[in-house]
Structures are given as structure tokens and as C-alpha cells.
Amino acid sequence: MSELRPGPVPGPPPAGGPTLHSPPATSATTAGVPQTGDTVIDGALAELAAAETGDLDAQLSAAEELHTRLRARLSDLGE
């Protein structure tokens, strides 16, 4: 019967290193809005970020537009 041995206990990441909540290294952020490098998606993300906080209709509309654009881009990848 083989014996299970625990591995090393991971410590915190090095200062300035990636964390679980860090954005991917390939994306940049501009004024808090993620940038993907795709102008259509980046535009939709900017519109979502610009939607007034208190205006739920504007937020929903911007989120639906972003969802539509993301789906279109993903379907383009499948072709």
C-alpha cells in the first residue's frame, strides 16, 4: 500500500507577481475598462463602463449589446 505524502505548502505569490484576481498578462486596462485588442469588443466594454450607475435601463442595454457582440465574435471563431 503506497503512502500519500503532502506536498509543499504554497506561500503567497512574490510581490508584484500574479494573483488569482490579476487580469491576464495579455490584457491591458484603460481607466478601469479592460482592453482586449478587439476594437468592437473594446467599444462595447467602454459603453458598458460608461452607462450611468443609477440608470439600470442603460446598464442593461449596454450589457445586452456587449453580449451580442461577444457572441458574434465567438461565432466568427467557429467558422
N, C-alpha and C. Protein backbone atom coordinates (compact mmCIF):
# COMPACT_ATOMS: atom_id res chain seq x y z
N MET A 1 0.84 -1.17 0.00
CA MET A 1 0.00 0.00 0.00
C MET A 1 0.89 1.24 0.00
N SER A 2 0.67 2.15 -0.94
CA SER A 2 1.51 3.33 -1.02
C SER A 2 1.02 4.39 -0.04
N GLU A 3 1.95 5.15 0.44
CA GLU A 3 1.66 6.18 1.43
C GLU A 3 1.55 7.53 0.74
N LEU A 4 0.48 8.26 1.03
CA LEU A 4 0.32 9.60 0.48
C LEU A 4 1.09 10.58 1.34
N ARG A 5 1.85 11.42 0.70
CA ARG A 5 2.62 12.42 1.43
C ARG A 5 2.19 13.80 0.95
N PRO A 6 2.01 14.70 1.88
CA PRO A 6 1.61 16.05 1.46
C PRO A 6 2.75 16.75 0.75
N GLY A 7 2.40 17.58 -0.21
CA GLY A 7 3.39 18.37 -0.93
C GLY A 7 3.71 19.63 -0.16
N PRO A 8 4.55 20.45 -0.72
CA PRO A 8 4.89 21.71 -0.05
C PRO A 8 3.67 22.61 0.05
N VAL A 9 3.62 23.38 1.08
CA VAL A 9 2.53 24.33 1.28
C VAL A 9 2.88 25.58 0.50
N PRO A 10 1.99 25.97 -0.44
CA PRO A 10 2.31 27.16 -1.23
C PRO A 10 2.23 28.41 -0.37
N GLY A 11 3.14 29.30 -0.60
CA GLY A 11 3.14 30.57 0.11
C GLY A 11 2.51 31.63 -0.76
N PRO A 12 2.50 32.86 -0.29
CA PRO A 12 1.93 33.94 -1.10
C PRO A 12 2.79 34.17 -2.34
N PRO A 13 2.18 34.70 -3.40
CA PRO A 13 2.97 34.98 -4.60
C PRO A 13 4.00 36.07 -4.31
N PRO A 14 5.07 36.10 -5.06
CA PRO A 14 6.07 37.15 -4.85
C PRO A 14 5.45 38.53 -5.07
N ALA A 15 5.99 39.51 -4.40
CA ALA A 15 5.48 40.88 -4.53
C ALA A 15 5.46 41.28 -6.00
N GLY A 16 4.32 41.79 -6.43
CA GLY A 16 4.19 42.21 -7.82
C GLY A 16 3.89 41.06 -8.76
N GLY A 17 3.84 39.84 -8.25
CA GLY A 17 3.56 38.67 -9.08
C GLY A 17 2.07 38.52 -9.31
N PRO A 18 1.68 37.61 -10.19
CA PRO A 18 0.27 37.42 -10.48
C PRO A 18 -0.46 36.80 -9.29
N THR A 19 -1.74 37.12 -9.18
CA THR A 19 -2.60 36.52 -8.17
C THR A 19 -3.80 35.94 -8.88
N LEU A 20 -4.65 35.27 -8.14
CA LEU A 20 -5.86 34.70 -8.75
C LEU A 20 -6.76 35.79 -9.31
N HIS A 21 -6.66 36.99 -8.77
CA HIS A 21 -7.54 38.07 -9.22
C HIS A 21 -6.86 39.03 -10.17
N SER A 22 -5.66 38.71 -10.60
CA SER A 22 -4.95 39.57 -11.55
C SER A 22 -5.53 39.35 -12.95
N PRO A 23 -5.63 40.43 -13.74
CA PRO A 23 -6.06 40.23 -15.13
C PRO A 23 -4.98 39.48 -15.89
N PRO A 24 -5.35 38.80 -16.96
CA PRO A 24 -4.35 38.09 -17.75
C PRO A 24 -3.28 39.04 -18.25
N ALA A 25 -2.09 38.52 -18.42
CA ALA A 25 -0.97 39.35 -18.85
C ALA A 25 -1.19 39.93 -20.23
N THR A 26 -2.06 39.34 -21.03
CA THR A 26 -2.27 39.82 -22.40
C THR A 26 -3.27 40.95 -22.48
N SER A 27 -3.96 41.27 -21.38
CA SER A 27 -4.93 42.35 -21.45
C SER A 27 -4.40 43.57 -20.71
N ALA A 28 -4.81 44.71 -21.18
CA ALA A 28 -4.43 45.96 -20.53
C ALA A 28 -5.72 46.62 -20.05
N THR A 29 -5.60 47.52 -19.14
CA THR A 29 -6.77 48.26 -18.69
C THR A 29 -6.53 49.74 -18.89
N THR A 30 -7.55 50.40 -19.37
CA THR A 30 -7.50 51.83 -19.56
C THR A 30 -8.64 52.44 -18.76
N ALA A 31 -8.30 53.21 -17.76
CA ALA A 31 -9.29 53.86 -16.90
C ALA A 31 -10.27 52.85 -16.33
N GLY A 32 -9.79 51.68 -15.96
CA GLY A 32 -10.65 50.68 -15.34
C GLY A 32 -11.44 49.83 -16.33
N VAL A 33 -11.32 50.10 -17.62
CA VAL A 33 -12.05 49.33 -18.63
C VAL A 33 -11.08 48.34 -19.26
N PRO A 34 -11.38 47.04 -19.19
CA PRO A 34 -10.47 46.06 -19.80
C PRO A 34 -10.34 46.30 -21.30
N GLN A 35 -9.15 46.09 -21.81
CA GLN A 35 -8.88 46.23 -23.24
C GLN A 35 -8.48 44.86 -23.78
N THR A 36 -9.18 44.41 -24.81
CA THR A 36 -8.92 43.09 -25.38
C THR A 36 -8.06 43.15 -26.64
N GLY A 37 -8.01 44.33 -27.25
CA GLY A 37 -7.31 44.46 -28.53
C GLY A 37 -8.27 44.34 -29.70
N ASP A 38 -9.51 43.94 -29.45
CA ASP A 38 -10.55 43.86 -30.47
C ASP A 38 -11.37 45.15 -30.35
N THR A 39 -11.34 45.99 -31.39
CA THR A 39 -11.99 47.30 -31.29
C THR A 39 -13.49 47.21 -31.06
N VAL A 40 -14.15 46.23 -31.64
CA VAL A 40 -15.59 46.08 -31.46
C VAL A 40 -15.91 45.72 -30.01
N ILE A 41 -15.19 44.76 -29.46
CA ILE A 41 -15.41 44.33 -28.08
C ILE A 41 -15.00 45.45 -27.12
N ASP A 42 -13.86 46.09 -27.37
CA ASP A 42 -13.41 47.17 -26.51
C ASP A 42 -14.42 48.32 -26.49
N GLY A 43 -15.02 48.61 -27.63
CA GLY A 43 -16.04 49.65 -27.69
C GLY A 43 -17.26 49.30 -26.85
N ALA A 44 -17.68 48.04 -26.93
CA ALA A 44 -18.83 47.60 -26.14
C ALA A 44 -18.52 47.62 -24.65
N LEU A 45 -17.29 47.23 -24.28
CA LEU A 45 -16.88 47.29 -22.88
C LEU A 45 -16.87 48.74 -22.38
N ALA A 46 -16.41 49.67 -23.22
CA ALA A 46 -16.38 51.07 -22.84
C ALA A 46 -17.80 51.61 -22.67
N GLU A 47 -18.71 51.20 -23.55
CA GLU A 47 -20.11 51.62 -23.43
C GLU A 47 -20.73 51.10 -22.14
N LEU A 48 -20.41 49.86 -21.79
CA LEU A 48 -20.92 49.30 -20.55
C LEU A 48 -20.37 50.06 -19.35
N ALA A 49 -19.09 50.39 -19.38
CA ALA A 49 -18.48 51.14 -18.28
C ALA A 49 -19.03 52.55 -18.18
N ALA A 50 -19.42 53.12 -19.33
CA ALA A 50 -19.91 54.50 -19.36
C ALA A 50 -21.38 54.60 -18.98
N ALA A 51 -22.10 53.49 -18.95
CA ALA A 51 -23.52 53.52 -18.60
C ALA A 51 -23.67 54.09 -17.19
N GLU A 52 -24.61 54.99 -17.02
CA GLU A 52 -24.79 55.64 -15.73
C GLU A 52 -25.12 54.61 -14.66
N THR A 53 -24.47 54.77 -13.52
CA THR A 53 -24.62 53.82 -12.42
C THR A 53 -26.06 53.69 -11.97
N GLY A 54 -26.77 54.78 -11.88
CA GLY A 54 -28.15 54.74 -11.38
C GLY A 54 -29.17 54.37 -12.44
N ASP A 55 -28.77 54.31 -13.69
CA ASP A 55 -29.71 54.05 -14.78
C ASP A 55 -29.64 52.57 -15.17
N LEU A 56 -30.49 51.77 -14.56
CA LEU A 56 -30.46 50.33 -14.81
C LEU A 56 -30.83 49.99 -16.25
N ASP A 57 -31.71 50.78 -16.86
CA ASP A 57 -32.07 50.53 -18.26
C ASP A 57 -30.85 50.72 -19.17
N ALA A 58 -30.05 51.76 -18.91
CA ALA A 58 -28.85 52.00 -19.72
C ALA A 58 -27.83 50.90 -19.49
N GLN A 59 -27.69 50.45 -18.25
CA GLN A 59 -26.75 49.37 -17.96
C GLN A 59 -27.19 48.08 -18.64
N LEU A 60 -28.46 47.77 -18.57
CA LEU A 60 -28.98 46.55 -19.20
C LEU A 60 -28.80 46.60 -20.71
N SER A 61 -29.10 47.75 -21.30
CA SER A 61 -28.95 47.90 -22.74
C SER A 61 -27.49 47.72 -23.17
N ALA A 62 -26.58 48.34 -22.43
CA ALA A 62 -25.15 48.21 -22.74
C ALA A 62 -24.67 46.77 -22.54
N ALA A 63 -25.15 46.11 -21.49
CA ALA A 63 -24.75 44.72 -21.23
C ALA A 63 -25.28 43.80 -22.33
N GLU A 64 -26.50 44.03 -22.78
CA GLU A 64 -27.07 43.21 -23.85
C GLU A 64 -26.29 43.42 -25.15
N GLU A 65 -25.89 44.66 -25.43
CA GLU A 65 -25.11 44.94 -26.63
C GLU A 65 -23.75 44.25 -26.56
N LEU A 66 -23.12 44.31 -25.39
CA LEU A 66 -21.84 43.62 -25.21
C LEU A 66 -22.01 42.13 -25.42
N HIS A 67 -23.06 41.56 -24.87
CA HIS A 67 -23.32 40.12 -25.03
C HIS A 67 -23.50 39.77 -26.51
N THR A 68 -24.25 40.58 -27.23
CA THR A 68 -24.47 40.35 -28.66
C THR A 68 -23.15 40.38 -29.43
N ARG A 69 -22.31 41.37 -29.12
CA ARG A 69 -21.02 41.49 -29.82
C ARG A 69 -20.08 40.32 -29.47
N LEU A 70 -20.08 39.92 -28.20
CA LEU A 70 -19.25 38.78 -27.81
C LEU A 70 -19.69 37.51 -28.52
N ARG A 71 -20.98 37.28 -28.59
CA ARG A 71 -21.50 36.09 -29.28
C ARG A 71 -21.12 36.11 -30.75
N ALA A 72 -21.21 37.28 -31.38
CA ALA A 72 -20.86 37.40 -32.79
C ALA A 72 -19.38 37.09 -33.00
N ARG A 73 -18.52 37.61 -32.12
CA ARG A 73 -17.09 37.34 -32.24
C ARG A 73 -16.78 35.87 -32.03
N LEU A 74 -17.43 35.26 -31.06
CA LEU A 74 -17.21 33.83 -30.81
C LEU A 74 -17.70 32.98 -31.97
N SER A 75 -18.80 33.37 -32.58
CA SER A 75 -19.29 32.59 -33.73
C SER A 75 -18.33 32.76 -34.91
N ASP A 76 -17.68 33.93 -35.03
CA ASP A 76 -16.68 34.14 -36.08
C ASP A 76 -15.51 33.17 -35.90
N LEU A 77 -15.15 32.88 -34.67
CA LEU A 77 -14.04 31.98 -34.40
C LEU A 77 -14.36 30.55 -34.83
N GLY A 78 -15.63 30.19 -34.77
CA GLY A 78 -16.04 28.84 -35.13
C GLY A 78 -16.10 28.58 -36.62
N GLU A 79 -16.00 29.64 -37.40
CA GLU A 79 -16.11 29.47 -38.86
C GLU A 79 -14.78 29.16 -39.49
